Amino acid sequence: MKTKILILGIALTGTITVSSRAADSHDNPSINLKDPVQVLEGRTIYNRTCTAYCHGRDGLQERAPSLRGRDDLSPEQIHATISNGKRVAGQIMPAWKDQLNDQQIWQITAFILSLREQ
């Protein structure tokens, strides 16, 4: 079986974890990331799952870094971090791939990307 090197835990801070695993959809969004309907759905999911403890409602900073104005994050980095979580220097973000499907993760990604202008 062929395996590809897949970047699994690209943290929002740029930390990279490498693992050999079959490539998945991290590189190919299943939605149009600029579609306002997808962004709105991503906002809904984000505000339901990511606000109580970490990033705050609509990406405002809480205990985790603010996600507004972050043009340093690629769609693939955001997707991989949401999917696989992050553990860096005492910072822990849970993996969401077992609670959210790939389309929902891409929708959250679209929402986070929309915060660049804010």
C-alpha atoms as a PDB file:
ATOM      1  CA  MET A   1       0.000   0.000   0.000  1.00  0.00           C
ATOM      2  CA  LYS A   2       1.324   3.396  -0.955  1.00  0.00           C
ATOM      3  CA  THR A   3       1.515   5.990   1.745  1.00  0.00           C
ATOM      4  CA  LYS A   4       2.232   9.623   1.456  1.00  0.00           C
ATOM      5  CA  ILE A   5       3.806  11.908   3.971  1.00  0.00           C
ATOM      6  CA  LEU A   6       0.977  13.902   5.419  1.00  0.00           C
ATOM      7  CA  ILE A   7       1.325  16.929   7.545  1.00  0.00           C
ATOM      8  CA  LEU A   8      -0.950  16.095  10.442  1.00  0.00           C
ATOM      9  CA  GLY A   9      -0.746  18.615  13.191  1.00  0.00           C
ATOM     10  CA  ILE A  10       0.156  21.888  11.634  1.00  0.00           C
ATOM     11  CA  ALA A  11      -0.437  24.109  14.579  1.00  0.00           C
ATOM     12  CA  LEU A  12      -1.816  27.567  14.096  1.00  0.00           C
ATOM     13  CA  THR A  13       1.555  28.798  15.283  1.00  0.00           C
ATOM     14  CA  GLY A  14       3.359  27.008  12.452  1.00  0.00           C
ATOM     15  CA  THR A  15       4.584  23.913  14.296  1.00  0.00           C
ATOM     16  CA  ILE A  16       4.630  20.878  12.027  1.00  0.00           C
ATOM     17  CA  THR A  17       4.170  17.229  12.911  1.00  0.00           C
ATOM     18  CA  VAL A  18       4.876  14.704  10.161  1.00  0.00           C
ATOM     19  CA  SER A  19       3.374  11.250   9.903  1.00  0.00           C
ATOM     20  CA  SER A  20       3.036   8.653   7.202  1.00  0.00           C
ATOM     21  CA  ARG A  21      -0.615   8.204   6.473  1.00  0.00           C
ATOM     22  CA  ALA A  22      -2.671   8.154   3.318  1.00  0.00           C
ATOM     23  CA  ALA A  23      -3.429  11.660   2.126  1.00  0.00           C
ATOM     24  CA  ASP A  24      -6.910  12.853   2.859  1.00  0.00           C
ATOM     25  CA  SER A  25      -8.816  15.979   1.949  1.00  0.00           C
ATOM     26  CA  HIS A  26      -6.545  18.478   3.737  1.00  0.00           C
ATOM     27  CA  ASP A  27      -5.333  19.643   0.344  1.00  0.00           C
ATOM     28  CA  ASN A  28      -8.676  19.704  -1.450  1.00  0.00           C
ATOM     29  CA  PRO A  29     -11.524  21.659   0.086  1.00  0.00           C
ATOM     30  CA  SER A  30     -14.871  19.976  -0.502  1.00  0.00           C
ATOM     31  CA  ILE A  31     -16.563  23.397  -0.608  1.00  0.00           C
ATOM     32  CA  ASN A  32     -16.006  26.854  -2.064  1.00  0.00           C
ATOM     33  CA  LEU A  33     -14.229  28.603   0.819  1.00  0.00           C
ATOM     34  CA  LYS A  34     -15.512  32.017  -0.315  1.00  0.00           C
ATOM     35  CA  ASP A  35     -19.171  31.010  -0.625  1.00  0.00           C
ATOM     36  CA  PRO A  36     -21.118  33.174   1.875  1.00  0.00           C
ATOM     37  CA  VAL A  37     -23.505  30.282   2.619  1.00  0.00           C
ATOM     38  CA  GLN A  38     -20.569  28.023   3.560  1.00  0.00           C
ATOM     39  CA  VAL A  39     -18.954  30.810   5.618  1.00  0.00           C
ATOM     40  CA  LEU A  40     -22.216  31.362   7.516  1.00  0.00           C
ATOM     41  CA  GLU A  41     -22.608  27.643   8.187  1.00  0.00           C
ATOM     42  CA  GLY A  42     -18.980  27.548   9.356  1.00  0.00           C
ATOM     43  CA  ARG A  43     -19.686  30.456  11.705  1.00  0.00           C
ATOM     44  CA  THR A  44     -22.639  28.589  13.184  1.00  0.00           C
ATOM     45  CA  ILE A  45     -20.602  25.422  13.755  1.00  0.00           C
ATOM     46  CA  TYR A  46     -17.626  27.417  15.059  1.00  0.00           C
ATOM     47  CA  ASN A  47     -19.739  29.359  17.559  1.00  0.00           C
ATOM     48  CA  ARG A  48     -21.307  26.104  18.745  1.00  0.00           C
ATOM     49  CA  THR A  49     -18.000  24.230  19.212  1.00  0.00           C
ATOM     50  CA  CYS A  50     -15.074  26.650  19.590  1.00  0.00           C
ATOM     51  CA  THR A  51     -16.276  29.475  21.783  1.00  0.00           C
ATOM     52  CA  ALA A  52     -16.953  28.200  25.274  1.00  0.00           C
ATOM     53  CA  TYR A  53     -13.329  27.804  26.252  1.00  0.00           C
ATOM     54  CA  CYS A  54     -10.843  28.719  23.564  1.00  0.00           C
ATOM     55  CA  HIS A  55     -11.046  31.168  20.705  1.00  0.00           C
ATOM     56  CA  GLY A  56     -14.144  33.104  21.685  1.00  0.00           C
ATOM     57  CA  ARG A  57     -17.330  33.934  19.837  1.00  0.00           C
ATOM     58  CA  ASP A  58     -16.667  34.990  16.240  1.00  0.00           C
ATOM     59  CA  GLY A  59     -12.912  34.537  16.672  1.00  0.00           C
ATOM     60  CA  LEU A  60     -12.338  37.098  19.388  1.00  0.00           C
ATOM     61  CA  GLN A  61      -9.527  36.119  21.700  1.00  0.00           C
ATOM     62  CA  GLU A  62     -10.318  34.188  24.860  1.00  0.00           C
ATOM     63  CA  ARG A  63      -7.851  31.647  26.288  1.00  0.00           C
ATOM     64  CA  ALA A  64      -6.511  30.798  22.827  1.00  0.00           C
ATOM     65  CA  PRO A  65      -5.157  33.251  20.238  1.00  0.00           C
ATOM     66  CA  SER A  66      -7.508  35.492  18.308  1.00  0.00           C
ATOM     67  CA  LEU A  67      -8.303  34.225  14.831  1.00  0.00           C
ATOM     68  CA  ARG A  68      -9.152  37.658  13.406  1.00  0.00           C
ATOM     69  CA  GLY A  69      -6.803  39.178  10.864  1.00  0.00           C
ATOM     70  CA  ARG A  70      -4.698  36.005  10.611  1.00  0.00           C
ATOM     71  CA  ASP A  71      -3.410  36.054   7.042  1.00  0.00           C
ATOM     72  CA  ASP A  72      -0.490  33.817   8.065  1.00  0.00           C
ATOM     73  CA  LEU A  73      -2.691  30.702   8.131  1.00  0.00           C
ATOM     74  CA  SER A  74      -3.329  28.706   4.971  1.00  0.00           C
ATOM     75  CA  PRO A  75      -6.618  26.867   4.484  1.00  0.00           C
ATOM     76  CA  GLU A  76      -4.720  23.578   4.741  1.00  0.00           C
ATOM     77  CA  GLN A  77      -3.112  24.594   8.061  1.00  0.00           C
ATOM     78  CA  ILE A  78      -6.455  25.596   9.529  1.00  0.00           C
ATOM     79  CA  HIS A  79      -8.146  22.396   8.342  1.00  0.00           C
ATOM     80  CA  ALA A  80      -5.337  20.182   9.629  1.00  0.00           C
ATOM     81  CA  THR A  81      -5.306  21.885  13.031  1.00  0.00           C
ATOM     82  CA  ILE A  82      -9.062  21.611  13.465  1.00  0.00           C
ATOM     83  CA  SER A  83      -8.997  17.976  12.330  1.00  0.00           C
ATOM     84  CA  ASN A  84      -6.012  16.775  14.308  1.00  0.00           C
ATOM     85  CA  GLY A  85      -5.716  19.209  17.176  1.00  0.00           C
ATOM     86  CA  LYS A  86      -2.535  20.698  18.557  1.00  0.00           C
ATOM     87  CA  ARG A  87      -0.183  20.196  21.479  1.00  0.00           C
ATOM     88  CA  VAL A  88       2.577  22.780  21.750  1.00  0.00           C
ATOM     89  CA  ALA A  89       4.267  24.090  24.895  1.00  0.00           C
ATOM     90  CA  GLY A  90       1.371  23.471  27.235  1.00  0.00           C
ATOM     91  CA  GLN A  91      -1.252  24.597  24.723  1.00  0.00           C
ATOM     92  CA  ILE A  92      -3.767  21.918  23.875  1.00  0.00           C
ATOM     93  CA  MET A  93      -6.405  22.073  21.178  1.00  0.00           C
ATOM     94  CA  PRO A  94      -8.544  18.955  20.831  1.00  0.00           C
ATOM     95  CA  ALA A  95      -8.907  17.132  17.528  1.00  0.00           C
ATOM     96  CA  TRP A  96     -12.371  17.542  16.030  1.00  0.00           C
ATOM     97  CA  LYS A  97     -12.192  14.907  13.263  1.00  0.00           C
ATOM     98  CA  ASP A  98     -14.195  12.438  15.366  1.00  0.00           C
ATOM     99  CA  GLN A  99     -16.951  14.948  16.193  1.00  0.00           C
ATOM    100  CA  LEU A 100     -17.227  16.867  12.905  1.00  0.00           C
ATOM    101  CA  ASN A 101     -17.256  15.599   9.339  1.00  0.00           C
ATOM    102  CA  ASP A 102     -14.816  16.864   6.723  1.00  0.00           C
ATOM    103  CA  GLN A 103     -17.315  19.271   5.172  1.00  0.00           C
ATOM    104  CA  GLN A 104     -18.032  20.854   8.569  1.00  0.00           C
ATOM    105  CA  ILE A 105     -14.303  21.286   9.178  1.00  0.00           C
ATOM    106  CA  TRP A 106     -13.946  22.995   5.787  1.00  0.00           C
ATOM    107  CA  GLN A 107     -16.922  25.221   6.642  1.00  0.00           C
ATOM    108  CA  ILE A 108     -15.222  26.302   9.876  1.00  0.00           C
ATOM    109  CA  THR A 109     -12.057  26.861   7.841  1.00  0.00           C
ATOM    110  CA  ALA A 110     -14.031  29.107   5.464  1.00  0.00           C
ATOM    111  CA  PHE A 111     -15.355  31.080   8.427  1.00  0.00           C
ATOM    112  CA  ILE A 112     -11.881  31.527   9.951  1.00  0.00           C
ATOM    113  CA  LEU A 113     -10.551  32.670   6.570  1.00  0.00           C
ATOM    114  CA  SER A 114     -13.367  35.233   6.412  1.00  0.00           C
ATOM    115  CA  LEU A 115     -12.060  36.748   9.646  1.00  0.00           C
ATOM    116  CA  ARG A 116      -8.958  38.002   7.823  1.00  0.00           C
ATOM    117  CA  GLU A 117     -10.792  41.168   6.856  1.00  0.00           C
ATOM    118  CA  GLN A 118     -11.875  41.912  10.428  1.00  0.00           C
END
